[in-house]
Protein backbone atom coordinates (compact mmCIF):
# COMPACT_ATOMS: atom_id res chain seq x y z
CA MET A 1 129.57 48.59 -10.15
CA SER A 2 129.53 45.07 -8.74
CA ALA A 3 129.36 44.53 -5.02
CA ALA A 4 129.68 40.77 -4.88
CA GLY A 5 131.71 39.51 -1.97
CA SER A 6 132.03 42.82 -0.17
CA HIS A 7 130.66 43.98 3.15
CA SER A 8 129.51 47.59 3.32
CA GLU A 9 128.62 49.08 6.65
CA ALA A 10 125.11 50.41 6.70
CA SER A 11 125.25 52.59 9.77
CA PRO A 12 126.88 56.02 9.87
CA GLN A 13 129.29 57.05 12.58
CA HIS A 14 128.07 59.48 15.17
CA GLY A 15 131.14 61.26 16.53
CA HIS A 16 132.08 59.97 19.94
CA ARG A 17 128.81 58.21 20.71
CA ILE A 18 127.55 54.94 19.25
CA GLY A 19 124.12 53.58 20.15
CA GLY A 20 123.68 56.28 22.81
CA GLU A 21 126.82 55.37 24.80
CA PRO A 22 130.23 57.07 24.82
CA VAL A 23 132.68 55.12 22.66
CA THR A 24 135.57 56.02 25.02
CA ARG A 25 133.89 54.13 27.88
CA GLN A 26 133.34 51.07 25.68
CA ARG A 27 136.96 51.16 24.51
CA TRP A 28 138.39 51.23 28.04
CA LEU A 29 136.08 48.41 29.14
CA ALA A 30 137.44 46.27 26.29
CA ARG A 31 141.03 47.17 27.20
CA LEU A 32 140.33 46.45 30.88
CA SER A 33 139.10 43.00 29.90
CA ILE A 34 142.39 42.26 28.10
CA LEU A 35 144.42 43.53 31.08
CA LEU A 36 142.46 41.28 33.45
CA ILE A 37 143.11 38.24 31.27
CA ALA A 38 146.81 39.10 31.19
CA ALA A 39 146.80 39.53 34.98
CA ALA A 40 145.20 36.11 35.47
CA VAL A 41 147.84 34.46 33.30
CA ALA A 42 150.65 36.37 35.04
CA VAL A 43 149.45 35.25 38.49
CA LEU A 44 149.38 31.61 37.34
CA ILE A 45 152.88 31.77 35.89
CA ALA A 46 154.44 33.79 38.74
CA PHE A 47 153.18 31.58 41.58
CA ALA A 48 152.17 28.21 40.23
CA GLY A 49 155.22 28.15 37.98
CA LEU A 50 157.45 28.03 41.04
CA ARG A 51 155.85 24.71 42.04
CA SER A 52 155.05 22.90 38.85
CA LEU A 53 155.02 23.45 35.12
CA GLY A 54 152.05 21.09 35.03
CA LEU A 55 149.95 23.50 37.07
CA VAL A 56 150.74 26.32 34.65
CA ILE A 57 149.59 24.13 31.76
CA ILE A 58 146.42 23.20 33.65
CA GLY A 59 145.77 26.86 34.37
CA ALA A 60 146.39 27.90 30.76
CA VAL A 61 144.09 25.18 29.42
CA GLY A 62 141.45 26.18 31.96
CA VAL A 63 141.72 29.83 30.92
CA CYS A 64 141.29 28.95 27.25
CA ALA A 65 138.39 26.60 27.97
CA MET A 66 136.62 29.15 30.15
CA LEU A 67 137.02 31.95 27.60
CA ALA A 68 135.91 29.69 24.73
CA GLY A 69 132.89 28.54 26.72
CA ALA A 70 131.97 32.12 27.62
CA TYR A 71 132.23 33.23 23.97
CA TRP A 72 130.18 30.31 22.66
CA PHE A 73 127.60 30.96 25.35
CA LEU A 74 127.27 34.60 24.26
CA ALA A 75 127.41 33.92 20.51
CA ASN A 76 125.05 30.92 20.17
CA ARG A 77 121.54 29.81 21.03
CA GLY A 78 119.88 26.52 21.84
CA PRO A 79 121.65 23.37 23.13
CA LEU A 80 125.11 24.59 22.03
CA ARG A 81 124.71 27.66 24.22
CA TRP A 82 124.01 25.59 27.33
CA LEU A 83 126.83 23.13 26.61
CA ALA A 84 129.12 26.15 26.34
CA GLY A 85 127.78 27.40 29.67
CA VAL A 86 128.64 24.08 31.31
CA LEU A 87 132.19 24.32 29.89
CA ALA A 88 132.58 27.90 31.14
CA VAL A 89 131.62 26.77 34.67
CA LEU A 90 133.37 23.40 34.72
CA ALA A 91 136.77 24.65 33.47
CA PRO A 92 137.47 27.05 36.38
CA ALA A 93 136.09 24.50 38.85
CA LEU A 94 138.66 21.94 37.69
CA VAL A 95 141.45 24.52 37.85
CA ILE A 96 140.49 25.45 41.41
CA THR A 97 140.43 21.77 42.40
CA ALA A 98 143.89 21.12 40.91
CA TYR A 99 145.40 24.16 42.62
CA ALA A 100 143.74 23.39 45.94
CA ARG A 101 145.43 19.99 45.99
CA ARG A 102 148.80 21.80 45.74
CA ASN A 103 147.91 24.33 48.45
CA LEU A 104 147.64 27.11 45.88
CA LEU A 105 143.92 27.71 46.19
CA TRP A 106 144.31 31.46 46.51
CA VAL A 107 146.19 31.61 43.20
CA ALA A 108 143.36 29.82 41.41
CA ILE A 109 140.71 32.02 43.06
CA VAL A 110 142.50 35.22 42.09
CA ALA A 111 142.96 34.02 38.49
CA VAL A 112 139.35 32.87 38.11
CA ALA A 113 138.05 36.11 39.67
CA ALA A 114 140.12 38.12 37.18
CA LEU A 115 138.73 36.07 34.30
CA LEU A 116 135.16 36.52 35.50
CA LEU A 117 135.69 40.28 35.73
CA ALA A 118 137.20 40.17 32.24
CA ALA A 119 134.10 38.42 30.89
CA VAL A 120 131.81 40.98 32.55
CA SER A 121 133.78 43.97 31.26
CA SER A 122 134.03 42.55 27.72
CA ARG A 123 130.27 42.03 27.65
CA ALA A 124 129.68 45.56 28.96
CA ALA A 125 132.04 46.92 26.31
CA MET A 126 129.58 45.91 23.58
CA GLY A 127 127.35 48.78 24.74
CA ARG A 128 123.64 49.20 24.28
CA VAL A 129 121.48 50.21 21.33
CA GLN A 130 118.85 52.86 21.98
CA GLN A 131 115.51 52.19 20.34
CA VAL A 132 114.56 55.39 18.52
CA PRO A 133 111.45 54.69 16.41
CA GLY A 134 110.95 58.40 15.65
CA PRO A 135 110.15 61.83 17.11
CA GLU A 136 107.18 61.75 19.49
CA ARG A 137 104.27 64.09 20.05
CA LYS A 138 101.08 63.82 22.10
CA ALA A 139 98.40 61.96 20.17
CA GLN A 140 94.83 63.20 19.94
CA ARG A 141 92.32 60.84 21.48
CA PRO A 142 90.38 59.17 18.65
CA ARG A 143 86.59 59.42 18.68
CA HIS A 144 85.87 56.56 16.27
CA PRO A 145 88.75 54.05 16.39
CA PHE A 146 88.31 50.90 14.30
CA LEU A 147 90.30 47.80 15.23
CA ILE A 148 90.67 44.53 13.33
CA MET A 149 91.46 41.52 15.52
CA ASN A 150 92.47 38.01 14.48
CA PRO A 151 91.54 35.67 17.37
CA ARG A 152 93.73 32.88 15.95
CA SER A 153 96.88 34.97 15.82
CA GLY A 154 99.60 34.38 18.39
CA GLY A 155 97.94 31.25 19.75
CA GLY A 156 94.76 33.06 20.80
CA LYS A 157 96.11 36.22 22.45
CA VAL A 158 92.99 38.21 21.59
CA ALA A 159 90.84 36.05 23.88
CA LYS A 160 93.58 35.39 26.45
CA PHE A 161 94.09 39.09 27.17
CA GLY A 162 90.49 40.20 26.65
CA LEU A 163 91.49 42.58 23.88
CA LYS A 164 88.04 42.90 22.30
CA GLU A 165 86.34 43.71 25.59
CA LYS A 166 88.97 46.23 26.67
CA ALA A 167 88.98 47.96 23.27
CA GLU A 168 85.19 48.28 23.24
CA SER A 169 85.23 49.69 26.76
CA LEU A 170 87.53 52.40 25.45
CA GLY A 171 85.10 53.28 22.65
CA ALA A 172 86.59 51.30 19.77
CA GLN A 173 84.66 49.40 17.15
CA VAL A 174 86.12 45.89 16.80
CA ALA A 175 85.90 43.57 13.79
CA LEU A 176 86.80 39.97 14.64
CA LEU A 177 88.17 37.74 11.89
CA ASP A 178 86.60 34.64 13.40
CA GLY A 179 84.34 33.36 10.62
CA PRO A 180 85.01 30.38 8.34
CA GLU A 181 85.13 32.57 5.24
CA ILE A 182 88.22 34.48 4.14
CA VAL A 183 87.90 38.19 4.90
CA ASP A 184 89.44 40.86 2.68
CA VAL A 185 91.21 42.78 5.43
CA ALA A 186 92.22 45.62 3.10
CA ALA A 187 88.62 46.12 1.93
CA LEU A 188 87.43 46.04 5.53
CA ALA A 189 89.91 48.75 6.53
CA ARG A 190 89.03 50.92 3.53
CA GLN A 191 85.35 50.60 4.32
CA ALA A 192 86.01 51.71 7.91
CA ALA A 193 88.03 54.72 6.72
CA ALA A 194 85.26 55.72 4.32
CA GLY A 195 82.73 55.32 7.14
CA GLY A 196 84.40 57.91 9.38
CA ALA A 197 86.96 55.96 11.40
CA ASP A 198 89.65 58.32 12.71
CA LEU A 199 92.10 55.54 13.71
CA LEU A 200 92.83 52.10 12.26
CA GLY A 201 94.45 49.34 14.25
CA VAL A 202 95.29 45.65 14.10
CA ALA A 203 95.70 42.88 16.65
CA GLY A 204 97.44 40.25 14.57
CA GLY A 205 100.55 39.28 12.69
CA ASP A 206 102.95 41.55 10.83
CA GLY A 207 101.43 40.75 7.42
CA THR A 208 98.02 42.01 8.53
CA GLN A 209 99.65 44.95 10.28
CA ALA A 210 101.31 45.96 7.00
CA LEU A 211 98.10 45.76 4.96
CA VAL A 212 96.13 48.01 7.31
CA ALA A 213 99.09 50.33 7.94
CA GLY A 214 99.25 51.02 4.20
CA ILE A 215 95.57 51.98 4.12
CA ALA A 216 95.97 54.17 7.20
CA ALA A 217 98.83 55.96 5.42
CA GLU A 218 96.68 56.41 2.29
CA HIS A 219 93.99 58.17 4.33
CA ASP A 220 96.42 60.00 6.65
CA LEU A 221 94.91 58.22 9.65
CA PRO A 222 96.82 57.23 12.80
CA PHE A 223 97.58 53.53 13.13
CA LEU A 224 97.60 51.37 16.26
CA CYS A 225 99.74 48.22 16.39
CA ILE A 226 98.54 45.67 18.97
CA SER A 227 101.17 43.01 19.66
CA ALA A 228 98.92 39.95 19.38
CA GLY A 229 100.94 38.09 16.74
CA THR A 230 103.37 35.22 17.19
CA ARG A 231 106.65 37.16 17.09
CA ASN A 232 105.61 40.77 16.47
CA HIS A 233 108.81 42.16 14.98
CA PHE A 234 107.11 45.44 14.10
CA ALA A 235 105.82 45.78 17.66
CA MET A 236 109.31 44.99 18.98
CA ASP A 237 110.87 47.82 17.00
CA LEU A 238 108.15 50.19 18.20
CA GLY A 239 109.14 49.26 21.75
CA LEU A 240 105.73 47.74 22.58
CA ASP A 241 105.13 45.13 25.26
CA ARG A 242 104.98 41.79 23.42
CA ASP A 243 104.17 39.82 26.55
CA ASP A 244 100.97 41.76 27.32
CA PRO A 245 99.29 43.14 24.17
CA SER A 246 96.50 44.71 26.23
CA THR A 247 98.94 47.48 27.22
CA CYS A 248 99.00 48.63 23.58
CA LEU A 249 95.36 49.74 23.97
CA ASP A 250 96.46 52.38 26.49
CA ALA A 251 97.43 54.43 23.44
CA LEU A 252 93.72 55.05 22.77
CA THR A 253 93.43 57.23 25.86
CA ASP A 254 96.93 58.52 26.56
CA GLY A 255 99.16 57.93 23.58
CA LEU A 256 102.09 59.36 21.70
CA GLU A 257 102.22 59.73 17.94
CA LEU A 258 105.28 58.78 15.89
CA GLN A 259 105.87 59.32 12.20
CA ILE A 260 107.72 56.39 10.68
CA ASP A 261 108.69 55.12 7.25
CA LEU A 262 106.94 52.46 5.21
CA GLY A 263 108.42 50.15 2.62
CA ARG A 264 106.58 49.69 -0.64
CA ILE A 265 106.82 46.71 -2.99
CA GLY A 266 104.70 47.22 -6.08
CA ASP A 267 101.28 48.28 -4.81
CA ARG A 268 101.76 46.74 -1.35
CA THR A 269 103.38 48.11 1.76
CA PHE A 270 105.64 46.36 4.25
CA VAL A 271 106.50 47.38 7.78
CA ASN A 272 109.41 44.96 8.23
CA ASN A 273 110.89 43.44 5.09
CA ALA A 274 110.48 41.84 1.70
CA SER A 275 112.52 38.67 1.18
CA PHE A 276 113.67 37.01 -2.06
CA GLY A 277 115.42 33.80 -3.04
CA ALA A 278 116.40 31.55 -0.14
CA TYR A 279 114.89 34.00 2.34
CA ALA A 280 111.51 33.73 0.57
CA GLU A 281 111.77 29.92 0.49
CA VAL A 282 112.23 29.89 4.27
CA VAL A 283 109.12 32.06 4.71
CA ARG A 284 107.13 29.56 2.64
CA SER A 285 107.89 26.76 5.11
CA PRO A 286 104.84 25.73 7.21
CA ALA A 287 107.05 25.76 10.33
CA TYR A 288 108.14 29.38 9.82
CA ARG A 289 105.09 31.01 11.41
CA ASP A 290 105.53 29.19 14.74
CA ASP A 291 109.34 29.29 14.94
CA LYS A 292 110.84 31.93 12.67
CA ARG A 293 114.36 31.83 14.09
CA GLY A 294 114.64 28.06 14.37
CA THR A 295 113.21 27.49 10.88
CA THR A 296 115.51 30.10 9.35
CA LEU A 297 118.64 28.66 10.97
CA GLN A 298 117.63 25.13 9.97
CA LEU A 299 116.68 25.74 6.33
CA LEU A 300 118.75 28.70 5.16
CA PRO A 301 122.20 27.00 4.96
CA GLY A 302 120.86 24.21 2.73
CA LEU A 303 118.98 26.64 0.49
CA LEU A 304 122.02 28.89 0.14
CA SER A 305 124.24 25.98 -0.84
CA GLY A 306 121.92 25.04 -3.71
CA ASP A 307 119.63 22.40 -2.20
CA GLY A 308 116.50 24.48 -2.89
CA ASP A 309 114.68 25.48 -6.09
CA GLY A 310 115.80 29.10 -5.99
CA HIS A 311 115.51 31.68 -8.75
CA ARG A 312 118.55 33.42 -10.18
CA LEU A 313 118.17 37.02 -9.13
CA ARG A 314 119.65 40.32 -10.19
CA ALA A 315 119.20 43.49 -8.18
CA GLN A 316 119.78 47.13 -8.97
CA VAL A 317 120.33 49.00 -5.71
CA GLY A 318 119.71 52.72 -6.07
CA ASN A 319 121.42 55.05 -3.61
CA THR A 320 121.55 58.78 -4.30
CA GLN A 321 124.30 59.28 -1.70
CA VAL A 322 126.96 56.78 -2.80
CA GLY A 323 125.78 55.71 -6.25
CA ASN A 324 124.09 52.62 -7.62
CA THR A 325 125.16 49.03 -7.02
CA GLU A 326 124.44 45.95 -9.10
CA LEU A 327 124.08 42.59 -7.34
CA GLN A 328 124.47 39.56 -9.61
CA GLY A 329 123.04 36.20 -8.59
CA PRO A 330 122.51 36.54 -4.83
CA GLN A 331 120.98 33.37 -3.40
CA ALA A 332 119.22 35.35 -0.68
CA LEU A 333 118.08 38.96 -0.67
CA LEU A 334 116.38 40.83 2.16
CA ILE A 335 115.07 44.36 1.68
CA SER A 336 113.95 46.02 4.88
CA ASN A 337 112.10 49.12 6.01
CA ASN A 338 115.14 50.80 7.62
CA ILE A 339 118.27 48.94 8.62
CA TYR A 340 118.55 45.73 10.60
CA GLU A 341 121.44 45.02 12.91
CA THR A 342 124.07 43.31 10.78
CA THR A 343 124.86 40.82 13.56
CA ASP A 344 121.75 38.90 12.49
CA ILE A 345 121.73 38.26 8.74
CA ALA A 346 118.56 36.20 9.06
CA GLY A 347 116.78 39.54 9.43
CA LEU A 348 115.44 38.58 12.84
CA GLY A 349 117.23 41.24 14.82
CA GLY A 350 116.04 44.74 15.63
CA ARG A 351 116.19 48.16 14.00
CA ALA A 352 117.43 51.09 16.04
CA GLY A 353 115.12 53.47 14.20
CA LEU A 354 112.18 53.51 11.79
CA ASP A 355 112.47 57.00 10.36
CA ALA A 356 115.87 57.17 8.60
CA GLY A 357 114.24 57.18 5.17
CA ARG A 358 116.43 54.31 3.90
CA LEU A 359 115.94 50.74 2.82
CA GLY A 360 118.28 48.17 4.30
CA VAL A 361 119.63 45.57 1.86
CA ILE A 362 121.19 42.26 2.88
CA ALA A 363 122.42 40.05 0.03
CA ILE A 364 124.17 36.68 0.38
CA THR A 365 126.24 34.90 -2.27
CA VAL A 366 128.05 31.74 -1.19
CA ASP A 367 129.69 28.78 -2.92
CA ASN A 368 129.03 25.96 -0.47
CA ALA A 369 127.21 24.94 2.70
CA ALA A 370 130.23 25.63 4.94
CA GLN A 371 130.30 29.28 3.85
CA ALA A 372 126.56 29.53 4.39
CA VAL A 373 126.74 28.16 7.93
CA GLY A 374 129.69 30.45 8.73
CA LEU A 375 127.86 33.54 7.52
CA ILE A 376 124.71 32.74 9.48
CA ARG A 377 126.59 32.04 12.71
CA ARG A 378 128.98 34.99 12.52
CA GLY A 379 126.79 37.55 10.78
CA HIS A 380 129.70 38.86 8.70
CA GLY A 381 132.28 37.71 6.20
CA ARG A 382 132.91 37.09 2.52
CA GLY A 383 129.78 36.69 0.43
CA LEU A 384 127.72 39.13 2.48
CA ASN A 385 126.66 42.56 1.22
CA VAL A 386 125.03 45.01 3.62
CA LEU A 387 123.87 48.15 1.85
CA THR A 388 121.40 51.01 2.13
CA ALA A 389 119.17 52.23 -0.65
CA ASP A 390 116.43 54.59 -1.75
CA GLU A 391 115.01 51.97 -4.11
CA VAL A 392 115.77 48.44 -5.28
CA THR A 393 114.67 46.68 -8.46
CA VAL A 394 114.84 42.87 -8.42
CA GLU A 395 114.85 40.97 -11.73
CA ALA A 396 114.60 37.27 -12.53
CA GLU A 397 114.17 35.07 -15.61
CA GLN A 398 110.74 33.94 -14.43
CA PRO A 399 107.65 36.13 -15.05
CA GLU A 400 106.83 35.95 -11.35
CA ILE A 401 108.68 34.88 -8.21
CA PRO A 402 107.75 34.16 -4.58
CA VAL A 403 108.36 37.07 -2.23
CA GLY A 404 108.00 36.97 1.55
CA ILE A 405 106.28 40.21 2.54
CA ASP A 406 106.32 40.61 6.33
CA GLY A 407 106.28 36.86 6.81
CA GLU A 408 103.61 36.02 4.21
CA THR A 409 104.54 34.57 0.82
CA VAL A 410 102.95 36.03 -2.31
CA MET A 411 103.75 35.62 -6.01
CA VAL A 412 104.91 38.91 -7.51
CA ALA A 413 105.42 39.77 -11.18
CA THR A 414 108.98 40.65 -12.22
CA PRO A 415 110.72 43.02 -12.25
CA VAL A 416 109.90 43.84 -8.63
CA HIS A 417 110.35 47.42 -7.52
CA CYS A 418 110.87 48.29 -3.83
CA GLU A 419 111.14 51.78 -2.38
CA ILE A 420 111.01 53.61 0.92
CA VAL A 421 108.25 56.11 1.71
CA PRO A 422 109.65 58.42 4.41
CA ARG A 423 107.44 59.39 7.36
CA ALA A 424 104.40 57.91 5.64
CA LEU A 425 102.73 56.37 8.68
CA ARG A 426 101.42 58.00 11.85
CA VAL A 427 101.70 55.37 14.59
CA VAL A 428 100.06 55.81 18.00
CA VAL A 429 101.83 54.08 20.89
CA PRO A 430 101.31 54.03 24.68
CA ARG A 431 103.55 56.23 26.80
CA ASN A 432 104.99 53.28 28.69
CA ARG A 433 106.87 51.00 26.31
CA PRO A 434 109.31 48.53 27.90
CA GLY A 435 111.00 47.83 24.58
CA ALA A 436 111.91 51.49 24.10
CA GLN A 437 114.65 51.09 26.71
CA PRO A 438 118.23 50.60 25.48
CA ARG A 439 119.06 46.93 24.81
CA ARG A 440 122.49 45.34 25.00
CA ARG A 441 124.35 44.47 21.83
CA PRO A 442 125.24 40.82 21.17
CA PHE A 443 128.88 39.96 21.81
CA ARG A 444 131.07 39.87 18.70
CA TRP A 445 134.83 39.29 18.72
CA HIS A 446 135.53 41.56 15.75
CA ARG A 447 133.80 44.47 17.48
CA PHE A 448 135.62 43.70 20.74
CA TRP A 449 139.05 43.83 19.09
CA ARG A 450 138.23 47.05 17.25
CA LEU A 451 137.14 48.62 20.54
CA ALA A 452 140.28 47.48 22.32
CA SER A 453 142.62 48.69 19.57
CA PHE A 454 143.97 52.21 19.39
CA ARG A 455 143.18 52.48 15.70
CA GLY A 456 139.87 52.74 13.83
CA GLN A 457 136.29 53.24 14.95
CA PRO A 458 134.02 50.30 15.82
CA GLU A 459 130.95 49.94 13.66
CA ALA A 460 127.75 51.57 14.92
């Protein structure tokens, strides 16, 4: 069947709890926010209306400006976010000034206070998402750990945090990729496994992490991710400290072992995602490595609207639970190891778990640049498909196409077959992981209204 233009929810419902929080509490917070807004408007009309219709208009405009500024501040990033913040602060200040000149300062203060409480409660109503990378068990201390470190990754984090010295003091053998020649990282890891290493690890970017993780899975060896890359999406979803990668080495002495899924594309593995079409073109940009989010938001709308040299794709999405889906001509296709939050269609958000045994599929088909910009900013709408799968086969007219595999572009022969390998990788992590704490959801109006309504369940 064709899925073009539809939006399928990827996450199952979990009774009366979503993301680890009671849905009832989130619903009443959303309803409280609406009541507070209504109370603010009622106070303005009941008291200021007795003096001047103009004050009511000023108050109403101020309310709208403050709410719009607060929403734009929560929903955007960069300069637009801070301009919205200025509007959210300036609007109530002007209302207070106007009411103070008419000796109605207390009315303005009460109304603004109600609006501020409404903003706080609406933000709290979004709830939090609990990071659950997988069941944990105490890890055995490795006797012969072998770590590969790229000193150029992440702007020199290996040297900055003394990772080589700390790892060696803990009994690890370290191979530095600091020579002028290109090193075959996969061959290096296989050689270490054959030589008796009982743990493989990487301090570097997600592409290198994926290569070595695949070899660790082949040999049933535990794997250590050290967050020394630029953005470290894999480390983020494991809950690791991305500000101080040296804390990842604590797993060598007192660690926990998780069993997580791996994605496979052909004979390669991926820990995050494989991207096709416009997504792959973004990954090929030289600026992508240093600023993934900014580059994606800058280039993706133009590529989606036909400004790039994309390949016409077809995808067969295999799902044993709900049946197969055929995607015809998506301009952008992202296949992920487990499911990304659908609020971020650039694939830069997080995953609540890494052991669901499912591929996430995000496909975009748009007709013009305006639709592309709207989809990227809102994260939902017509032209977006969000699916889950056991396997995906991507076809194109060309014999090979560029594919972004965990942030590194490679040419892959078509058709391209992707699948999920459940619980394939044993990952060792430190006990203390700041990113394993629940994180707050981004604010979205459609979720807010579904929470506040008395009908239907909000998406997970």
